[in-house]
Amino acid sequence: MAVSESEAESIREASKELSRQFKTLVDAHDLDSLKHLQHLILGRLQDSNAVLSHFNEYSENCFAEVYSDFARNTRLLKTMKSDLDHIFQKIRSMKAKIMATYPDAFPDESMREAFDSRPDLEIPQ
């Protein structure tokens, strides 16, 4: 379906006429105002983007500075937790042995209450 030369020319002329008529519907002052507002918004967005990029770079540098300390302190806390868990396990074991050897040593059942308050802990036999 080839379009003849005269049909193509008439389509072009119709497009030009339609665009001229459409142009009369919109005030040029309004278009200039919209264009000006779009440029203002674009400038603000570019400024915001620059500020955010700078902040991201700054944050990355700060993170790089504190990461080694943070990692070291995390390892230290994990080691301390495992040490404390081991110490408390030994204490519980010693308390259980004392209760098994000397059941009348704690007549008010304070030791038994301490063990009963932590159901996840088992008293070793």
C-alpha atoms as a PDB file:
ATOM      1  CA  MET A   1       0.000   0.000   0.000  1.00  0.00           C
ATOM      2  CA  ALA A   2       2.192   2.773  -1.232  1.00  0.00           C
ATOM      3  CA  VAL A   3       1.048   6.319  -0.585  1.00  0.00           C
ATOM      4  CA  SER A   4       1.177   8.513  -3.654  1.00  0.00           C
ATOM      5  CA  GLU A   5       3.105  11.775  -3.687  1.00  0.00           C
ATOM      6  CA  SER A   6      -0.035  13.928  -3.671  1.00  0.00           C
ATOM      7  CA  GLU A   7      -1.505  11.990  -0.728  1.00  0.00           C
ATOM      8  CA  ALA A   8       1.720  12.387   1.235  1.00  0.00           C
ATOM      9  CA  GLU A   9       1.707  16.137   0.504  1.00  0.00           C
ATOM     10  CA  SER A  10      -1.919  16.500   1.590  1.00  0.00           C
ATOM     11  CA  ILE A  11      -1.156  14.597   4.837  1.00  0.00           C
ATOM     12  CA  ARG A  12       1.751  16.963   5.506  1.00  0.00           C
ATOM     13  CA  GLU A  13      -0.412  20.016   4.878  1.00  0.00           C
ATOM     14  CA  ALA A  14      -3.151  18.630   7.131  1.00  0.00           C
ATOM     15  CA  SER A  15      -0.596  17.987   9.887  1.00  0.00           C
ATOM     16  CA  LYS A  16       0.741  21.540   9.597  1.00  0.00           C
ATOM     17  CA  GLU A  17      -2.770  22.995   9.717  1.00  0.00           C
ATOM     18  CA  LEU A  18      -3.680  20.863  12.720  1.00  0.00           C
ATOM     19  CA  SER A  19      -0.518  21.939  14.574  1.00  0.00           C
ATOM     20  CA  ARG A  20      -1.254  25.612  13.750  1.00  0.00           C
ATOM     21  CA  GLN A  21      -4.774  25.279  15.091  1.00  0.00           C
ATOM     22  CA  PHE A  22      -3.573  23.437  18.164  1.00  0.00           C
ATOM     23  CA  LYS A  23      -0.979  26.149  18.748  1.00  0.00           C
ATOM     24  CA  THR A  24      -3.739  28.761  18.891  1.00  0.00           C
ATOM     25  CA  LEU A  25      -5.476  26.803  21.670  1.00  0.00           C
ATOM     26  CA  VAL A  26      -2.498  27.148  24.031  1.00  0.00           C
ATOM     27  CA  ASP A  27      -1.244  30.580  25.111  1.00  0.00           C
ATOM     28  CA  ALA A  28       2.441  31.169  24.375  1.00  0.00           C
ATOM     29  CA  HIS A  29       2.855  32.878  27.760  1.00  0.00           C
ATOM     30  CA  ASP A  30       1.572  29.723  29.499  1.00  0.00           C
ATOM     31  CA  LEU A  31       4.011  27.580  27.532  1.00  0.00           C
ATOM     32  CA  ASP A  32       6.892  29.870  28.470  1.00  0.00           C
ATOM     33  CA  SER A  33       5.788  29.740  32.102  1.00  0.00           C
ATOM     34  CA  LEU A  34       5.663  25.932  32.013  1.00  0.00           C
ATOM     35  CA  LYS A  35       9.060  25.786  30.362  1.00  0.00           C
ATOM     36  CA  HIS A  36      10.505  28.136  33.002  1.00  0.00           C
ATOM     37  CA  LEU A  37       9.025  26.033  35.841  1.00  0.00           C
ATOM     38  CA  GLN A  38      10.401  22.853  34.296  1.00  0.00           C
ATOM     39  CA  HIS A  39      13.872  24.416  34.149  1.00  0.00           C
ATOM     40  CA  LEU A  40      13.596  25.494  37.790  1.00  0.00           C
ATOM     41  CA  ILE A  41      12.537  21.992  38.833  1.00  0.00           C
ATOM     42  CA  LEU A  42      15.331  20.467  36.751  1.00  0.00           C
ATOM     43  CA  GLY A  43      17.870  22.746  38.446  1.00  0.00           C
ATOM     44  CA  ARG A  44      16.591  21.846  41.903  1.00  0.00           C
ATOM     45  CA  LEU A  45      16.644  18.149  41.097  1.00  0.00           C
ATOM     46  CA  GLN A  46      20.201  18.422  39.794  1.00  0.00           C
ATOM     47  CA  ASP A  47      21.237  20.280  42.964  1.00  0.00           C
ATOM     48  CA  SER A  48      19.552  17.640  45.122  1.00  0.00           C
ATOM     49  CA  ASN A  49      21.257  14.902  43.144  1.00  0.00           C
ATOM     50  CA  ALA A  50      24.642  16.582  43.651  1.00  0.00           C
ATOM     51  CA  VAL A  51      24.030  16.942  47.402  1.00  0.00           C
ATOM     52  CA  LEU A  52      22.952  13.304  47.699  1.00  0.00           C
ATOM     53  CA  SER A  53      25.984  12.147  45.708  1.00  0.00           C
ATOM     54  CA  HIS A  54      28.261  14.152  48.000  1.00  0.00           C
ATOM     55  CA  PHE A  55      26.529  12.743  51.074  1.00  0.00           C
ATOM     56  CA  ASN A  56      26.888   9.175  49.730  1.00  0.00           C
ATOM     57  CA  GLU A  57      30.611   9.706  49.155  1.00  0.00           C
ATOM     58  CA  TYR A  58      30.999  11.169  52.644  1.00  0.00           C
ATOM     59  CA  SER A  59      29.054   8.278  54.182  1.00  0.00           C
ATOM     60  CA  GLU A  60      31.173   5.770  52.288  1.00  0.00           C
ATOM     61  CA  ASN A  61      34.371   7.389  53.589  1.00  0.00           C
ATOM     62  CA  CYS A  62      33.049   7.452  57.158  1.00  0.00           C
ATOM     63  CA  PHE A  63      32.015   3.804  56.915  1.00  0.00           C
ATOM     64  CA  ALA A  64      35.447   2.846  55.590  1.00  0.00           C
ATOM     65  CA  GLU A  65      37.034   4.597  58.583  1.00  0.00           C
ATOM     66  CA  VAL A  66      34.904   2.900  61.244  1.00  0.00           C
ATOM     67  CA  TYR A  67      34.469  -0.509  59.621  1.00  0.00           C
ATOM     68  CA  SER A  68      37.673  -1.993  61.020  1.00  0.00           C
ATOM     69  CA  ASP A  69      36.834  -0.808  64.554  1.00  0.00           C
ATOM     70  CA  PHE A  70      33.294  -2.086  64.204  1.00  0.00           C
ATOM     71  CA  ALA A  71      34.471  -5.501  62.964  1.00  0.00           C
ATOM     72  CA  ARG A  72      37.059  -5.735  65.764  1.00  0.00           C
ATOM     73  CA  ASN A  73      34.500  -4.803  68.425  1.00  0.00           C
ATOM     74  CA  THR A  74      32.006  -7.285  66.995  1.00  0.00           C
ATOM     75  CA  ARG A  75      34.569 -10.076  67.211  1.00  0.00           C
ATOM     76  CA  LEU A  76      35.420  -8.985  70.757  1.00  0.00           C
ATOM     77  CA  LEU A  77      31.759  -9.058  71.809  1.00  0.00           C
ATOM     78  CA  LYS A  78      31.256 -12.507  70.286  1.00  0.00           C
ATOM     79  CA  THR A  79      34.323 -13.790  72.136  1.00  0.00           C
ATOM     80  CA  MET A  80      33.133 -12.234  75.386  1.00  0.00           C
ATOM     81  CA  LYS A  81      29.698 -13.787  74.970  1.00  0.00           C
ATOM     82  CA  SER A  82      31.140 -17.248  74.391  1.00  0.00           C
ATOM     83  CA  ASP A  83      33.436 -16.795  77.419  1.00  0.00           C
ATOM     84  CA  LEU A  84      30.517 -15.707  79.612  1.00  0.00           C
ATOM     85  CA  ASP A  85      28.379 -18.603  78.378  1.00  0.00           C
ATOM     86  CA  HIS A  86      31.182 -20.983  79.319  1.00  0.00           C
ATOM     87  CA  ILE A  87      31.591 -19.358  82.752  1.00  0.00           C
ATOM     88  CA  PHE A  88      27.852 -19.487  83.498  1.00  0.00           C
ATOM     89  CA  GLN A  89      27.716 -23.104  82.356  1.00  0.00           C
ATOM     90  CA  LYS A  90      30.514 -23.955  84.783  1.00  0.00           C
ATOM     91  CA  ILE A  91      28.763 -22.068  87.601  1.00  0.00           C
ATOM     92  CA  ARG A  92      25.486 -23.907  86.922  1.00  0.00           C
ATOM     93  CA  SER A  93      27.339 -27.181  86.917  1.00  0.00           C
ATOM     94  CA  MET A  94      29.017 -26.371  90.237  1.00  0.00           C
ATOM     95  CA  LYS A  95      25.684 -25.295  91.775  1.00  0.00           C
ATOM     96  CA  ALA A  96      24.080 -28.526  90.623  1.00  0.00           C
ATOM     97  CA  LYS A  97      26.907 -30.565  92.144  1.00  0.00           C
ATOM     98  CA  ILE A  98      26.581 -28.672  95.427  1.00  0.00           C
ATOM     99  CA  MET A  99      22.826 -29.274  95.477  1.00  0.00           C
ATOM    100  CA  ALA A 100      23.351 -32.965  94.691  1.00  0.00           C
ATOM    101  CA  THR A 101      26.034 -33.359  97.357  1.00  0.00           C
ATOM    102  CA  TYR A 102      24.433 -31.155 100.031  1.00  0.00           C
ATOM    103  CA  PRO A 103      20.671 -31.096  99.408  1.00  0.00           C
ATOM    104  CA  ASP A 104      19.984 -29.499 102.774  1.00  0.00           C
ATOM    105  CA  ALA A 105      22.484 -26.659 102.185  1.00  0.00           C
ATOM    106  CA  PHE A 106      19.742 -24.405 100.790  1.00  0.00           C
ATOM    107  CA  PRO A 107      16.626 -25.026 102.864  1.00  0.00           C
ATOM    108  CA  ASP A 108      14.661 -22.125 101.391  1.00  0.00           C
ATOM    109  CA  GLU A 109      14.882 -23.633  97.881  1.00  0.00           C
ATOM    110  CA  SER A 110      16.528 -20.478  96.506  1.00  0.00           C
ATOM    111  CA  MET A 111      18.861 -22.512  94.310  1.00  0.00           C
ATOM    112  CA  ARG A 112      16.056 -24.652  92.965  1.00  0.00           C
ATOM    113  CA  GLU A 113      14.066 -21.498  92.099  1.00  0.00           C
ATOM    114  CA  ALA A 114      17.068 -20.151  90.239  1.00  0.00           C
ATOM    115  CA  PHE A 115      17.193 -23.305  88.154  1.00  0.00           C
ATOM    116  CA  ASP A 116      13.425 -23.417  87.682  1.00  0.00           C
ATOM    117  CA  SER A 117      13.337 -19.858  86.347  1.00  0.00           C
ATOM    118  CA  ARG A 118      15.419 -20.940  83.342  1.00  0.00           C
ATOM    119  CA  PRO A 119      13.638 -23.968  81.843  1.00  0.00           C
ATOM    120  CA  ASP A 120      16.081 -24.058  78.922  1.00  0.00           C
ATOM    121  CA  LEU A 121      18.900 -24.943  81.325  1.00  0.00           C
ATOM    122  CA  GLU A 122      19.269 -28.470  82.487  1.00  0.00           C
ATOM    123  CA  ILE A 123      20.805 -29.414  85.785  1.00  0.00           C
ATOM    124  CA  PRO A 124      23.569 -31.923  85.037  1.00  0.00           C
ATOM    125  CA  GLN A 125      23.472 -35.126  87.056  1.00  0.00           C
END
